[in-house]
N, C-alpha and C. Protein backbone atom coordinates (compact mmCIF):
# COMPACT_ATOMS: atom_id res chain seq x y z
N MET A 1 0.90 -0.67 0.34
CA MET A 1 -0.04 0.06 0.13
C MET A 1 0.83 1.14 -0.02
N SER A 2 0.81 2.14 -0.67
CA SER A 2 1.48 3.43 -1.33
C SER A 2 1.51 3.97 0.03
N GLY A 3 2.47 5.04 0.59
CA GLY A 3 2.83 6.14 1.89
C GLY A 3 1.37 6.56 1.68
N VAL A 4 0.48 7.31 0.73
CA VAL A 4 -0.08 8.41 1.10
C VAL A 4 -1.30 8.02 1.79
N ARG A 5 -2.00 6.66 1.21
CA ARG A 5 -3.02 5.44 1.20
C ARG A 5 -2.82 5.31 2.71
N MET A 6 -1.48 4.87 2.90
CA MET A 6 -1.62 4.17 4.33
C MET A 6 -1.64 5.59 5.54
N GLN A 7 -1.61 6.60 5.24
CA GLN A 7 -1.05 7.84 5.80
C GLN A 7 -3.35 8.05 5.81
N LYS A 8 -3.94 8.49 4.72
CA LYS A 8 -5.57 8.25 4.67
C LYS A 8 -5.95 7.39 5.97
N LEU A 9 -5.54 6.24 6.00
CA LEU A 9 -6.02 5.58 6.38
C LEU A 9 -5.44 5.67 8.51
N ASN A 10 -4.56 5.68 8.48
CA ASN A 10 -4.49 6.23 9.57
C ASN A 10 -4.43 7.14 9.94
N THR A 11 -5.01 8.44 9.21
CA THR A 11 -6.04 9.31 9.80
C THR A 11 -7.55 8.78 10.11
N LEU A 12 -7.75 8.13 8.73
CA LEU A 12 -9.90 7.83 9.16
C LEU A 12 -9.60 6.38 10.59
N ASN A 13 -8.15 5.86 10.74
CA ASN A 13 -8.41 5.18 11.69
C ASN A 13 -8.87 5.79 13.49
N LYS A 14 -8.49 7.31 13.08
CA LYS A 14 -8.20 7.56 14.61
C LYS A 14 -9.78 8.17 15.43
N TYR A 15 -10.88 6.82 14.37
CA TYR A 15 -12.16 7.51 15.04
C TYR A 15 -12.33 5.99 16.02
N ARG A 16 -11.32 5.03 16.58
CA ARG A 16 -11.28 4.23 17.50
C ARG A 16 -11.14 5.61 18.90
N SER A 17 -12.53 4.88 19.83
CA SER A 17 -12.97 5.73 20.86
C SER A 17 -13.43 4.73 21.79
N ARG A 18 -13.16 4.89 23.09
CA ARG A 18 -13.53 3.97 24.41
C ARG A 18 -14.61 4.39 24.56
N ASP A 19 -14.88 5.98 24.31
CA ASP A 19 -16.16 6.41 24.85
C ASP A 19 -17.81 5.90 24.15
N LYS A 20 -17.11 5.52 23.40
CA LYS A 20 -18.30 4.63 22.17
C LYS A 20 -17.79 3.39 21.83
N ALA A 21 -18.81 2.12 21.69
CA ALA A 21 -18.92 0.89 21.41
C ALA A 21 -17.96 0.97 20.33
N GLU A 22 -17.30 0.17 19.73
CA GLU A 22 -16.38 0.00 18.73
C GLU A 22 -17.37 -0.26 17.60
N ILE A 23 -18.31 0.37 16.96
CA ILE A 23 -18.90 0.12 16.26
C ILE A 23 -18.13 1.08 14.57
N TYR A 24 -18.14 0.40 13.83
CA TYR A 24 -17.87 0.52 12.37
C TYR A 24 -18.33 0.27 11.26
N GLY A 25 -18.48 0.64 10.14
CA GLY A 25 -19.08 0.60 9.43
C GLY A 25 -19.20 1.38 7.74
N ALA A 26 -19.52 1.11 6.29
CA ALA A 26 -19.22 1.75 5.72
C ALA A 26 -20.47 2.16 4.71
N ILE A 27 -20.39 3.17 4.23
CA ILE A 27 -21.73 4.73 3.24
C ILE A 27 -20.58 3.85 2.08
N ILE A 28 -21.96 3.39 1.25
CA ILE A 28 -21.85 2.56 0.16
C ILE A 28 -22.19 3.53 -0.64
N ARG A 29 -21.76 4.62 -1.45
CA ARG A 29 -22.61 5.58 -2.64
C ARG A 29 -22.87 5.17 -3.56
N SER A 30 -23.50 5.37 -4.54
CA SER A 30 -23.35 4.64 -6.36
C SER A 30 -22.89 5.78 -6.71
N ILE A 31 -23.02 6.19 -7.88
CA ILE A 31 -22.92 7.26 -8.71
C ILE A 31 -24.36 7.62 -8.96
N ASN A 32 -25.46 6.98 -8.98
CA ASN A 32 -26.66 7.10 -8.60
C ASN A 32 -27.57 8.04 -8.20
N ASN A 33 -26.79 7.75 -6.72
CA ASN A 33 -26.60 8.65 -5.45
C ASN A 33 -27.77 7.58 -5.46
N ARG A 34 -27.56 6.36 -4.81
CA ARG A 34 -28.28 5.07 -4.27
C ARG A 34 -27.42 4.42 -2.95
N TYR A 35 -27.88 4.32 -2.06
CA TYR A 35 -26.67 3.41 -0.97
C TYR A 35 -27.22 2.21 -0.63
N ALA A 36 -26.09 1.50 -0.41
CA ALA A 36 -25.47 -0.02 -0.07
C ALA A 36 -26.73 0.06 1.50
N LEU A 37 -27.70 -0.99 1.42
CA LEU A 37 -28.03 -0.98 2.69
C LEU A 37 -28.41 -2.30 3.01
N VAL A 38 -28.55 -2.58 4.60
CA VAL A 38 -28.87 -4.10 4.83
C VAL A 38 -29.80 -4.23 6.42
N GLN A 39 -30.89 -5.23 6.23
CA GLN A 39 -31.11 -5.44 6.87
C GLN A 39 -31.61 -6.32 8.02
N GLY A 40 -30.84 -6.17 9.20
CA GLY A 40 -31.58 -6.94 9.90
C GLY A 40 -32.11 -7.98 10.65
N ARG A 41 -31.23 -9.48 10.75
CA ARG A 41 -32.71 -10.30 11.17
C ARG A 41 -33.26 -9.94 12.39
N ARG A 42 -32.63 -9.72 12.54
CA ARG A 42 -33.22 -9.71 14.46
C ARG A 42 -34.29 -8.73 14.42
N SER A 43 -33.58 -7.24 14.27
CA SER A 43 -34.41 -5.97 14.16
C SER A 43 -35.80 -5.71 13.40
N GLY A 44 -35.32 -6.15 12.03
CA GLY A 44 -36.19 -6.03 10.82
C GLY A 44 -35.63 -4.76 10.34
N LYS A 45 -34.85 -3.92 10.70
CA LYS A 45 -34.93 -2.10 10.26
C LYS A 45 -33.77 -2.57 9.55
N TRP A 46 -33.36 -1.56 8.65
CA TRP A 46 -32.05 -1.28 7.29
C TRP A 46 -31.39 -0.26 8.28
N SER A 47 -29.88 -0.51 8.01
CA SER A 47 -29.10 0.27 7.82
C SER A 47 -27.66 -0.01 6.99
N PHE A 48 -26.41 0.53 7.37
CA PHE A 48 -25.47 0.95 6.61
C PHE A 48 -25.06 -0.65 7.25
N PRO A 49 -24.07 -1.39 6.28
CA PRO A 49 -22.83 -2.29 6.64
C PRO A 49 -21.90 -2.07 7.57
N LYS A 50 -22.31 -3.19 8.97
CA LYS A 50 -21.72 -2.29 10.15
C LYS A 50 -21.57 -3.56 10.64
N GLY A 51 -20.34 -3.25 11.90
CA GLY A 51 -20.42 -3.97 12.91
C GLY A 51 -19.09 -3.80 14.73
N HIS A 52 -19.33 -4.43 15.25
CA HIS A 52 -18.05 -4.47 16.23
C HIS A 52 -16.49 -5.04 16.17
N ALA A 53 -15.70 -4.41 15.90
CA ALA A 53 -14.33 -4.48 15.98
C ALA A 53 -14.12 -5.91 16.98
N ASN A 54 -13.21 -6.77 16.68
CA ASN A 54 -12.89 -8.15 17.29
C ASN A 54 -12.02 -7.36 17.98
N PRO A 55 -10.71 -7.96 18.97
CA PRO A 55 -9.98 -7.42 19.86
C PRO A 55 -8.79 -7.44 18.88
N GLY A 56 -8.22 -5.60 18.89
CA GLY A 56 -6.84 -5.51 18.01
C GLY A 56 -7.20 -5.29 16.61
N GLU A 57 -8.50 -5.57 15.92
CA GLU A 57 -8.59 -5.12 14.84
C GLU A 57 -8.67 -3.73 14.41
N SER A 58 -8.38 -3.12 13.94
CA SER A 58 -8.16 -1.61 13.00
C SER A 58 -9.29 -1.47 12.67
N PRO A 59 -10.01 0.39 13.01
CA PRO A 59 -11.53 0.28 11.88
C PRO A 59 -11.80 -0.66 10.87
N PHE A 60 -10.43 0.47 9.72
CA PHE A 60 -10.96 0.14 8.61
C PHE A 60 -10.73 -2.01 8.44
N ASP A 61 -9.99 -1.96 9.24
CA ASP A 61 -10.37 -3.79 9.08
C ASP A 61 -11.13 -4.41 9.32
N CYS A 62 -11.91 -3.92 10.30
CA CYS A 62 -13.24 -4.20 10.78
C CYS A 62 -14.33 -3.95 9.84
N VAL A 63 -14.36 -2.62 8.76
CA VAL A 63 -15.28 -2.51 8.01
C VAL A 63 -14.98 -3.30 6.87
N VAL A 64 -13.80 -3.56 6.55
CA VAL A 64 -13.51 -4.79 5.18
C VAL A 64 -13.62 -6.16 5.36
N ARG A 65 -13.83 -6.65 6.99
CA ARG A 65 -14.46 -7.68 7.02
C ARG A 65 -15.92 -7.70 7.16
N GLU A 66 -16.98 -6.61 8.03
CA GLU A 66 -18.00 -6.64 7.64
C GLU A 66 -19.06 -6.00 6.59
N ILE A 67 -18.21 -5.66 5.47
CA ILE A 67 -19.04 -5.46 4.66
C ILE A 67 -18.60 -7.19 3.57
N GLY A 68 -18.00 -7.68 3.60
CA GLY A 68 -17.78 -9.01 3.06
C GLY A 68 -18.34 -9.84 3.68
N GLU A 69 -18.99 -9.62 5.38
CA GLU A 69 -20.23 -10.54 5.71
C GLU A 69 -21.19 -10.35 5.53
N GLU A 70 -21.67 -8.87 5.78
CA GLU A 70 -22.78 -8.22 5.01
C GLU A 70 -23.37 -8.26 3.70
N ILE A 71 -22.40 -7.66 2.56
CA ILE A 71 -22.64 -7.65 1.27
C ILE A 71 -21.60 -8.70 0.57
N GLY A 72 -21.12 -9.07 1.13
CA GLY A 72 -20.75 -10.51 0.13
C GLY A 72 -19.70 -9.60 -0.49
N VAL A 73 -18.70 -8.28 -0.89
CA VAL A 73 -18.00 -7.63 -1.12
C VAL A 73 -16.48 -7.77 -0.90
N ASP A 74 -15.56 -7.68 -1.56
CA ASP A 74 -14.09 -8.06 -0.65
C ASP A 74 -13.58 -7.07 -1.36
N ARG A 75 -13.65 -6.02 -2.17
CA ARG A 75 -12.93 -4.93 -2.58
C ARG A 75 -13.71 -3.08 -2.72
N LEU A 76 -13.32 -2.48 -2.14
CA LEU A 76 -14.51 -1.70 -2.49
C LEU A 76 -12.51 -0.43 -2.77
N PRO A 77 -13.57 0.33 -4.08
CA PRO A 77 -12.31 1.93 -3.45
C PRO A 77 -11.51 1.85 -2.60
N MET A 78 -10.77 3.44 -2.23
CA MET A 78 -10.54 4.01 -0.56
C MET A 78 -11.42 4.72 -0.20
N PRO A 79 -11.67 4.84 0.48
CA PRO A 79 -13.10 5.88 1.61
C PRO A 79 -12.43 7.62 1.00
N SER A 80 -13.94 7.56 0.85
CA SER A 80 -13.39 9.44 0.49
C SER A 80 -13.38 10.08 1.99
N THR A 81 -14.25 9.90 2.52
CA THR A 81 -14.05 10.47 4.15
C THR A 81 -14.40 9.44 5.04
N SER A 82 -14.19 10.20 6.52
CA SER A 82 -15.29 8.93 7.52
C SER A 82 -16.08 9.77 7.74
N LEU A 83 -16.91 9.42 8.82
CA LEU A 83 -17.39 10.38 9.92
C LEU A 83 -18.26 10.25 11.64
N SER A 84 -18.41 10.30 12.16
CA SER A 84 -19.45 9.54 13.10
C SER A 84 -20.42 10.36 12.95
N LEU A 85 -21.64 9.23 13.32
CA LEU A 85 -23.10 9.09 13.82
C LEU A 85 -23.50 8.96 15.73
N GLN A 86 -24.11 7.88 15.54
CA GLN A 86 -25.12 8.79 17.16
C GLN A 86 -24.01 7.59 17.22
N VAL A 87 -23.87 6.53 16.82
CA VAL A 87 -23.41 4.94 17.61
C VAL A 87 -22.57 4.34 16.94
N GLY A 88 -22.10 4.61 15.51
CA GLY A 88 -21.44 4.27 15.29
C GLY A 88 -19.96 4.88 14.79
N TYR A 89 -18.67 5.00 13.56
CA TYR A 89 -18.34 5.55 12.91
C TYR A 89 -18.20 4.69 11.56
N TYR A 90 -18.59 5.46 10.25
CA TYR A 90 -18.21 5.68 9.14
C TYR A 90 -17.32 5.30 7.97
N TYR A 91 -16.73 4.74 7.62
CA TYR A 91 -15.87 5.62 5.84
C TYR A 91 -16.84 5.64 4.82
N VAL A 92 -16.46 6.22 4.36
CA VAL A 92 -17.47 6.51 2.97
C VAL A 92 -16.65 6.32 1.46
N PHE A 93 -17.98 5.43 0.97
CA PHE A 93 -17.43 4.76 -0.35
C PHE A 93 -18.20 5.53 -1.59
N ASN A 94 -17.16 5.59 -2.75
CA ASN A 94 -18.50 6.56 -3.59
C ASN A 94 -17.79 5.11 -4.52
N VAL A 95 -18.94 4.65 -5.33
CA VAL A 95 -18.61 3.18 -6.07
C VAL A 95 -19.43 3.81 -7.55
N LYS A 96 -19.14 3.13 -8.50
CA LYS A 96 -19.54 3.73 -9.91
C LYS A 96 -20.41 2.71 -10.16
N ASP A 97 -20.74 1.48 -10.31
CA ASP A 97 -21.44 1.18 -10.01
C ASP A 97 -22.24 -0.15 -9.07
N GLU A 98 -23.43 -0.23 -9.26
CA GLU A 98 -24.61 -0.74 -7.99
C GLU A 98 -24.07 -2.09 -8.34
N PHE A 99 -23.02 -2.52 -7.48
CA PHE A 99 -22.94 -4.68 -7.76
C PHE A 99 -23.97 -5.30 -7.10
N THR A 100 -23.82 -6.15 -7.67
CA THR A 100 -24.65 -6.97 -6.65
C THR A 100 -24.71 -7.62 -5.53
N MET A 101 -25.01 -7.73 -4.13
CA MET A 101 -24.67 -8.17 -3.01
C MET A 101 -25.11 -9.22 -2.55
N VAL A 102 -24.64 -10.39 -1.76
CA VAL A 102 -24.96 -11.75 -1.46
C VAL A 102 -24.59 -11.70 -0.13
N PRO A 103 -25.32 -11.58 0.49
CA PRO A 103 -25.11 -11.94 2.36
C PRO A 103 -24.13 -12.98 2.54
N ARG A 104 -23.01 -13.05 2.93
CA ARG A 104 -21.93 -14.61 3.57
C ARG A 104 -22.69 -14.57 5.28
N ASP A 105 -23.36 -13.94 5.57
CA ASP A 105 -23.66 -13.92 7.14
C ASP A 105 -25.33 -13.47 7.01
N THR A 106 -26.39 -14.84 6.80
CA THR A 106 -27.40 -14.62 6.51
C THR A 106 -28.31 -15.11 8.39
N ASN A 107 -27.00 -15.36 9.09
CA ASN A 107 -27.70 -15.36 10.76
C ASN A 107 -27.69 -13.49 10.72
N GLU A 108 -27.66 -12.50 10.27
CA GLU A 108 -27.47 -11.27 10.82
C GLU A 108 -28.32 -10.89 10.07
N ILE A 109 -28.04 -11.07 8.72
CA ILE A 109 -29.13 -10.34 7.07
C ILE A 109 -29.77 -11.04 6.76
N MET A 110 -30.90 -10.45 6.50
CA MET A 110 -32.28 -10.99 6.11
C MET A 110 -32.30 -10.07 4.58
N ASN A 111 -31.60 -9.41 4.35
CA ASN A 111 -32.21 -8.70 2.88
C ASN A 111 -31.21 -7.25 2.87
N VAL A 112 -31.05 -7.39 1.81
CA VAL A 112 -29.25 -6.47 1.18
C VAL A 112 -30.08 -5.28 -0.41
N GLY A 113 -30.15 -4.04 -0.27
CA GLY A 113 -31.08 -3.42 -1.41
C GLY A 113 -30.05 -1.92 -1.28
N TRP A 114 -30.32 -1.54 -2.70
CA TRP A 114 -29.52 -0.06 -3.10
C TRP A 114 -30.94 0.63 -3.17
N PHE A 115 -30.46 1.82 -2.11
CA PHE A 115 -32.05 2.79 -2.11
C PHE A 115 -30.94 4.07 -2.10
N THR A 116 -32.39 5.23 -2.77
CA THR A 116 -32.12 6.25 -3.58
C THR A 116 -32.70 6.64 -1.63
N LYS A 117 -32.13 8.18 -1.16
CA LYS A 117 -33.07 9.11 -0.07
C LYS A 117 -34.51 8.92 -0.45
N GLU A 118 -34.62 9.28 -0.84
CA GLU A 118 -36.52 9.08 -1.25
C GLU A 118 -36.76 8.05 -0.63
N GLU A 119 -36.26 7.00 -1.14
CA GLU A 119 -36.79 5.21 -1.21
C GLU A 119 -36.98 5.36 0.57
N ILE A 120 -35.21 5.29 1.08
CA ILE A 120 -35.02 5.03 2.30
C ILE A 120 -35.74 5.75 3.45
N LYS A 121 -36.55 7.13 3.23
CA LYS A 121 -37.52 7.49 4.13
C LYS A 121 -38.86 6.44 3.84
N THR A 122 -38.96 5.25 3.47
CA THR A 122 -39.61 4.74 3.60
C THR A 122 -39.18 4.09 4.64
N LEU A 123 -38.48 3.53 4.54
CA LEU A 123 -38.13 2.31 5.21
C LEU A 123 -37.79 2.54 6.84
N GLN A 124 -37.96 0.91 7.36
CA GLN A 124 -37.81 0.95 9.24
C GLN A 124 -36.20 1.28 9.43
N VAL A 125 -35.33 1.85 9.68
CA VAL A 125 -34.37 2.05 9.65
C VAL A 125 -33.94 2.41 11.13
N ASN A 126 -31.93 2.41 11.72
CA ASN A 126 -32.09 1.89 12.36
C ASN A 126 -31.09 3.28 12.59
N VAL A 127 -30.53 3.85 13.75
CA VAL A 127 -30.64 5.04 15.17
C VAL A 127 -29.51 5.60 13.79
N ASP A 128 -28.61 5.24 13.38
CA ASP A 128 -27.54 6.00 12.25
C ASP A 128 -28.17 6.02 11.46
N LEU A 129 -28.52 5.58 10.95
CA LEU A 129 -29.14 5.84 9.45
C LEU A 129 -30.43 7.15 8.85
N SER A 130 -31.40 6.93 10.43
CA SER A 130 -31.90 7.81 10.76
C SER A 130 -30.59 9.18 10.86
N ARG A 131 -30.33 9.27 11.60
CA ARG A 131 -28.83 10.69 11.83
C ARG A 131 -28.17 11.05 10.68
N PHE A 132 -27.79 10.20 9.42
CA PHE A 132 -27.17 10.34 8.50
C PHE A 132 -28.46 11.04 7.67
N MET A 133 -30.05 10.47 7.80
CA MET A 133 -30.78 11.08 6.83
C MET A 133 -30.55 12.44 6.98
N SER A 134 -31.37 12.68 8.78
CA SER A 134 -31.37 14.07 8.65
C SER A 134 -30.30 15.42 8.72
N SER A 135 -29.30 14.63 8.86
CA SER A 135 -28.12 15.88 8.80
C SER A 135 -28.18 16.26 6.82
């Protein structure tokens, strides 16, 4: 990995905090302004792909693992930025194509999809997605 990319990841990794649960996720936005969302099996709510960091796992490594488990994607472009919402910290990825998503962890995820902000307004969503929509 190049020095510039590593520096960018280190800057984004600053979001590891002891004040919040170590929950990290991905806001994946397509060129068509649609967002990749997952529907949790337990809650039935839609959210960005996310999860808890394992001991010793960096925020970025957590996100890479979670998007693999929840949407079945192993590669994304470098994140453009990151942001903190109510519960978790998120890397923002801008993608050209609305790729097919197939969850690997079907115990946690029951559905996936691409949605516009207008469509998201009609869904039952978790607190972080709700906060994102109101910002």
